[in-house]
N, C-alpha and C. Protein backbone atom coordinates (compact mmCIF):
# COMPACT_ATOMS: atom_id res chain seq x y z
N MET A 1 99.04 79.88 80.03
CA MET A 1 100.05 80.31 80.98
C MET A 1 101.44 80.08 80.39
N GLN A 2 101.60 78.96 79.65
CA GLN A 2 102.92 78.68 79.07
C GLN A 2 103.28 79.72 78.00
N ALA A 3 102.27 80.19 77.24
CA ALA A 3 102.54 81.21 76.22
C ALA A 3 103.01 82.50 76.87
N ALA A 4 102.37 82.88 77.96
CA ALA A 4 102.78 84.09 78.67
C ALA A 4 104.19 83.92 79.23
N GLN A 5 104.51 82.74 79.75
CA GLN A 5 105.85 82.48 80.27
C GLN A 5 106.89 82.60 79.16
N ARG A 6 106.57 82.06 77.97
CA ARG A 6 107.52 82.16 76.84
C ARG A 6 107.71 83.61 76.42
N ASP A 7 106.61 84.38 76.35
CA ASP A 7 106.72 85.80 75.98
C ASP A 7 107.57 86.57 76.98
N LEU A 8 107.32 86.34 78.25
CA LEU A 8 108.11 87.03 79.28
C LEU A 8 109.58 86.63 79.24
N ALA A 9 109.83 85.36 78.98
CA ALA A 9 111.23 84.91 78.88
C ALA A 9 111.93 85.58 77.71
N GLY A 10 111.21 85.74 76.58
CA GLY A 10 111.79 86.43 75.43
C GLY A 10 112.09 87.89 75.72
N VAL A 11 111.16 88.56 76.37
CA VAL A 11 111.36 89.97 76.73
C VAL A 11 112.53 90.10 77.70
N MET A 12 112.60 89.20 78.65
CA MET A 12 113.69 89.25 79.65
C MET A 12 115.04 89.00 78.98
N ALA A 13 115.07 88.07 78.03
CA ALA A 13 116.34 87.80 77.32
C ALA A 13 116.78 89.02 76.53
N ALA A 14 115.81 89.71 75.88
CA ALA A 14 116.15 90.92 75.12
C ALA A 14 116.66 92.02 76.05
N LEU A 15 116.01 92.17 77.19
CA LEU A 15 116.47 93.18 78.14
C LEU A 15 117.83 92.83 78.72
N ALA A 16 118.09 91.54 78.94
CA ALA A 16 119.38 91.11 79.48
C ALA A 16 120.50 91.38 78.48
N ARG A 17 120.18 91.26 77.17
CA ARG A 17 121.20 91.58 76.15
C ARG A 17 121.49 93.07 76.13
N GLU A 18 120.47 93.90 76.36
CA GLU A 18 120.68 95.35 76.35
C GLU A 18 121.39 95.83 77.62
N HIS A 19 121.10 95.20 78.74
CA HIS A 19 121.68 95.62 80.02
C HIS A 19 122.27 94.40 80.73
N PRO A 20 123.38 93.88 80.24
CA PRO A 20 123.92 92.64 80.82
C PRO A 20 124.41 92.80 82.27
N ASP A 21 124.90 93.96 82.62
CA ASP A 21 125.42 94.11 83.98
C ASP A 21 124.28 94.18 85.02
N ALA A 22 123.12 94.73 84.66
CA ALA A 22 122.02 94.86 85.60
C ALA A 22 121.10 93.64 85.60
N LEU A 23 120.89 93.04 84.42
CA LEU A 23 119.90 91.97 84.32
C LEU A 23 120.50 90.61 83.96
N GLY A 24 121.81 90.50 83.91
CA GLY A 24 122.44 89.23 83.55
C GLY A 24 122.14 88.14 84.57
N GLY A 25 121.68 86.99 84.11
CA GLY A 25 121.41 85.86 84.98
C GLY A 25 120.06 85.90 85.69
N ARG A 26 119.27 86.92 85.46
CA ARG A 26 117.96 87.00 86.09
C ARG A 26 116.91 86.33 85.22
N THR A 27 115.88 85.80 85.86
CA THR A 27 114.78 85.17 85.13
C THR A 27 113.47 85.77 85.61
N VAL A 28 112.42 85.50 84.85
CA VAL A 28 111.09 85.99 85.19
C VAL A 28 110.12 84.81 85.15
N THR A 29 109.15 84.82 86.04
CA THR A 29 108.18 83.73 86.13
C THR A 29 106.77 84.31 86.08
N ALA A 30 105.92 83.77 85.23
CA ALA A 30 104.52 84.18 85.16
C ALA A 30 103.71 83.34 86.14
N MET A 31 102.81 83.99 86.86
CA MET A 31 101.93 83.27 87.77
C MET A 31 100.57 83.95 87.77
N PRO A 32 99.51 83.23 88.09
CA PRO A 32 98.18 83.84 88.14
C PRO A 32 98.14 84.96 89.18
N LEU A 33 97.34 85.97 88.88
CA LEU A 33 97.25 87.14 89.76
C LEU A 33 96.75 86.75 91.15
N LYS A 34 95.81 85.82 91.20
CA LYS A 34 95.27 85.39 92.50
C LYS A 34 96.38 84.81 93.37
N ASP A 35 97.24 83.99 92.77
CA ASP A 35 98.35 83.40 93.53
C ASP A 35 99.36 84.46 93.95
N ALA A 36 99.59 85.45 93.07
CA ALA A 36 100.56 86.50 93.39
C ALA A 36 100.05 87.38 94.53
N LEU A 37 98.74 87.66 94.56
CA LEU A 37 98.20 88.54 95.59
C LEU A 37 97.96 87.83 96.92
N LEU A 38 97.37 86.62 96.85
CA LEU A 38 96.99 85.93 98.08
C LEU A 38 98.08 85.03 98.62
N GLY A 39 98.81 84.39 97.75
CA GLY A 39 99.87 83.49 98.20
C GLY A 39 99.33 82.40 99.09
N ASN A 40 99.88 82.26 100.29
CA ASN A 40 99.44 81.23 101.21
C ASN A 40 98.47 81.78 102.25
N MET A 41 97.75 82.82 101.92
CA MET A 41 96.81 83.45 102.85
C MET A 41 95.40 82.86 102.75
N LYS A 42 95.20 81.84 101.93
CA LYS A 42 93.86 81.31 101.70
C LYS A 42 93.23 80.81 103.00
N ALA A 43 93.96 80.09 103.81
CA ALA A 43 93.41 79.56 105.07
C ALA A 43 93.06 80.70 106.03
N THR A 44 93.89 81.71 106.10
CA THR A 44 93.63 82.85 106.98
C THR A 44 92.39 83.61 106.53
N LEU A 45 92.28 83.85 105.23
CA LEU A 45 91.12 84.58 104.72
C LEU A 45 89.84 83.77 104.87
N THR A 46 89.92 82.46 104.72
CA THR A 46 88.74 81.61 104.93
C THR A 46 88.30 81.67 106.38
N GLY A 47 89.24 81.61 107.30
CA GLY A 47 88.91 81.73 108.72
C GLY A 47 88.28 83.07 109.04
N LEU A 48 88.79 84.13 108.45
CA LEU A 48 88.24 85.46 108.67
C LEU A 48 86.82 85.55 108.12
N LEU A 49 86.58 84.97 106.96
CA LEU A 49 85.24 84.96 106.37
C LEU A 49 84.26 84.21 107.27
N ILE A 50 84.67 83.08 107.81
CA ILE A 50 83.81 82.31 108.70
C ILE A 50 83.52 83.10 109.98
N ALA A 51 84.53 83.77 110.51
CA ALA A 51 84.33 84.57 111.73
C ALA A 51 83.34 85.71 111.49
N VAL A 52 83.45 86.37 110.36
CA VAL A 52 82.53 87.47 110.05
C VAL A 52 81.12 86.93 109.86
N ALA A 53 80.98 85.78 109.19
CA ALA A 53 79.66 85.20 109.00
C ALA A 53 79.02 84.83 110.33
N LEU A 54 79.80 84.25 111.24
CA LEU A 54 79.27 83.91 112.56
C LEU A 54 78.89 85.16 113.35
N LEU A 55 79.65 86.21 113.21
CA LEU A 55 79.33 87.47 113.88
C LEU A 55 78.01 88.04 113.36
N LEU A 56 77.80 87.98 112.05
CA LEU A 56 76.54 88.46 111.48
C LEU A 56 75.36 87.62 111.96
N VAL A 57 75.53 86.32 112.03
CA VAL A 57 74.45 85.45 112.53
C VAL A 57 74.16 85.78 113.99
N ASP A 58 75.19 85.99 114.77
CA ASP A 58 75.02 86.32 116.19
C ASP A 58 74.25 87.63 116.35
N HIS A 59 74.62 88.64 115.59
CA HIS A 59 73.93 89.93 115.69
C HIS A 59 72.49 89.82 115.21
N GLY A 60 72.25 89.04 114.18
CA GLY A 60 70.88 88.84 113.72
C GLY A 60 70.02 88.16 114.77
N ALA A 61 70.56 87.14 115.44
CA ALA A 61 69.82 86.46 116.50
C ALA A 61 69.59 87.40 117.68
N ASN A 62 70.58 88.21 118.02
CA ASN A 62 70.44 89.17 119.11
C ASN A 62 69.33 90.17 118.80
N LEU A 63 69.30 90.68 117.58
CA LEU A 63 68.27 91.62 117.18
C LEU A 63 66.89 90.97 117.23
N ALA A 64 66.78 89.73 116.77
CA ALA A 64 65.49 89.03 116.81
C ALA A 64 65.02 88.84 118.25
N LEU A 65 65.92 88.50 119.15
CA LEU A 65 65.54 88.33 120.56
C LEU A 65 65.14 89.65 121.21
N LEU A 66 65.81 90.72 120.85
CA LEU A 66 65.43 92.03 121.39
C LEU A 66 64.04 92.44 120.91
N MET A 67 63.76 92.17 119.63
CA MET A 67 62.44 92.49 119.11
C MET A 67 61.36 91.64 119.77
N LEU A 68 61.67 90.36 120.00
CA LEU A 68 60.72 89.48 120.68
C LEU A 68 60.48 89.94 122.11
N ALA A 69 61.53 90.36 122.81
CA ALA A 69 61.38 90.83 124.19
C ALA A 69 60.52 92.09 124.22
N ARG A 70 60.72 92.98 123.28
CA ARG A 70 59.90 94.20 123.23
C ARG A 70 58.44 93.85 122.96
N TYR A 71 58.21 92.92 122.06
CA TYR A 71 56.84 92.50 121.76
C TYR A 71 56.19 91.86 122.99
N MET A 72 56.92 91.00 123.68
CA MET A 72 56.36 90.33 124.86
C MET A 72 56.05 91.34 125.97
N GLU A 73 56.87 92.38 126.06
CA GLU A 73 56.63 93.41 127.06
C GLU A 73 55.37 94.21 126.73
N ARG A 74 55.12 94.43 125.45
CA ARG A 74 53.97 95.22 125.03
C ARG A 74 52.75 94.37 124.72
N ALA A 75 52.84 93.07 124.87
CA ALA A 75 51.72 92.18 124.54
C ALA A 75 50.44 92.55 125.29
N PRO A 76 50.49 92.88 126.58
CA PRO A 76 49.24 93.28 127.24
C PRO A 76 48.61 94.54 126.62
N GLU A 77 49.42 95.47 126.20
CA GLU A 77 48.89 96.68 125.55
C GLU A 77 48.23 96.35 124.23
N LEU A 78 48.81 95.40 123.52
CA LEU A 78 48.31 95.06 122.20
C LEU A 78 47.12 94.10 122.25
N ALA A 79 46.94 93.44 123.39
CA ALA A 79 45.82 92.52 123.53
C ALA A 79 44.51 93.30 123.50
N CYS A 80 43.46 92.66 123.02
CA CYS A 80 42.21 93.36 122.84
C CYS A 80 41.08 92.52 123.42
N ASP A 81 40.39 93.04 124.45
CA ASP A 81 39.24 92.31 124.96
C ASP A 81 38.04 92.60 124.04
N PRO A 82 37.11 91.70 123.93
CA PRO A 82 36.05 91.81 122.91
C PRO A 82 35.23 93.11 122.96
N PRO A 83 34.77 93.63 124.08
CA PRO A 83 33.96 94.86 124.00
C PRO A 83 34.73 96.06 123.45
N SER A 84 35.96 96.24 123.89
CA SER A 84 36.71 97.39 123.38
C SER A 84 37.15 97.20 121.94
N CYS A 85 37.37 95.97 121.54
CA CYS A 85 37.73 95.71 120.14
C CYS A 85 36.58 96.11 119.22
N HIS A 86 35.34 95.77 119.62
CA HIS A 86 34.19 96.11 118.79
C HIS A 86 33.98 97.61 118.75
N ALA A 87 34.21 98.28 119.87
CA ALA A 87 34.05 99.73 119.91
C ALA A 87 35.09 100.40 119.01
N ARG A 88 36.29 99.90 119.03
CA ARG A 88 37.34 100.46 118.15
C ARG A 88 36.99 100.23 116.69
N ALA A 89 36.52 99.04 116.39
CA ALA A 89 36.17 98.72 115.00
C ALA A 89 35.03 99.62 114.52
N ARG A 90 34.03 99.87 115.36
CA ARG A 90 32.92 100.74 114.95
C ARG A 90 33.39 102.16 114.78
N SER A 91 34.24 102.66 115.68
CA SER A 91 34.67 104.06 115.57
C SER A 91 35.60 104.23 114.36
N ALA A 92 36.31 103.21 114.00
CA ALA A 92 37.19 103.30 112.83
C ALA A 92 36.39 103.27 111.55
N SER A 93 35.22 102.61 111.54
CA SER A 93 34.45 102.47 110.31
C SER A 93 33.45 103.62 110.12
N THR A 94 33.16 104.43 111.14
CA THR A 94 32.23 105.55 110.97
C THR A 94 32.92 106.71 110.29
N PRO A 95 32.27 107.30 109.30
CA PRO A 95 32.88 108.44 108.61
C PRO A 95 32.93 109.67 109.51
N VAL A 96 33.89 110.51 109.26
CA VAL A 96 34.09 111.71 110.07
C VAL A 96 33.33 112.86 109.51
């Protein structure tokens, strides 16, 4: 990072010599791209990430409960008493 800062300072000094009225007294600072883009938004973005994760968990639980409710509603249809189960098994195993 210090090497980049030195290079930028050299370039800025050369430009200030070429254009003293526009760039005189100005300086340049090198900083990591992450810091330049996010700045002090880290806490906000972390909170947003946690909120989205909780929303996904909530929707997943909701979907699981809906599927369970549908299964419980259809459980009597899916239940099989022994005589009809054997008849179904025999009819499924006989060739057509």
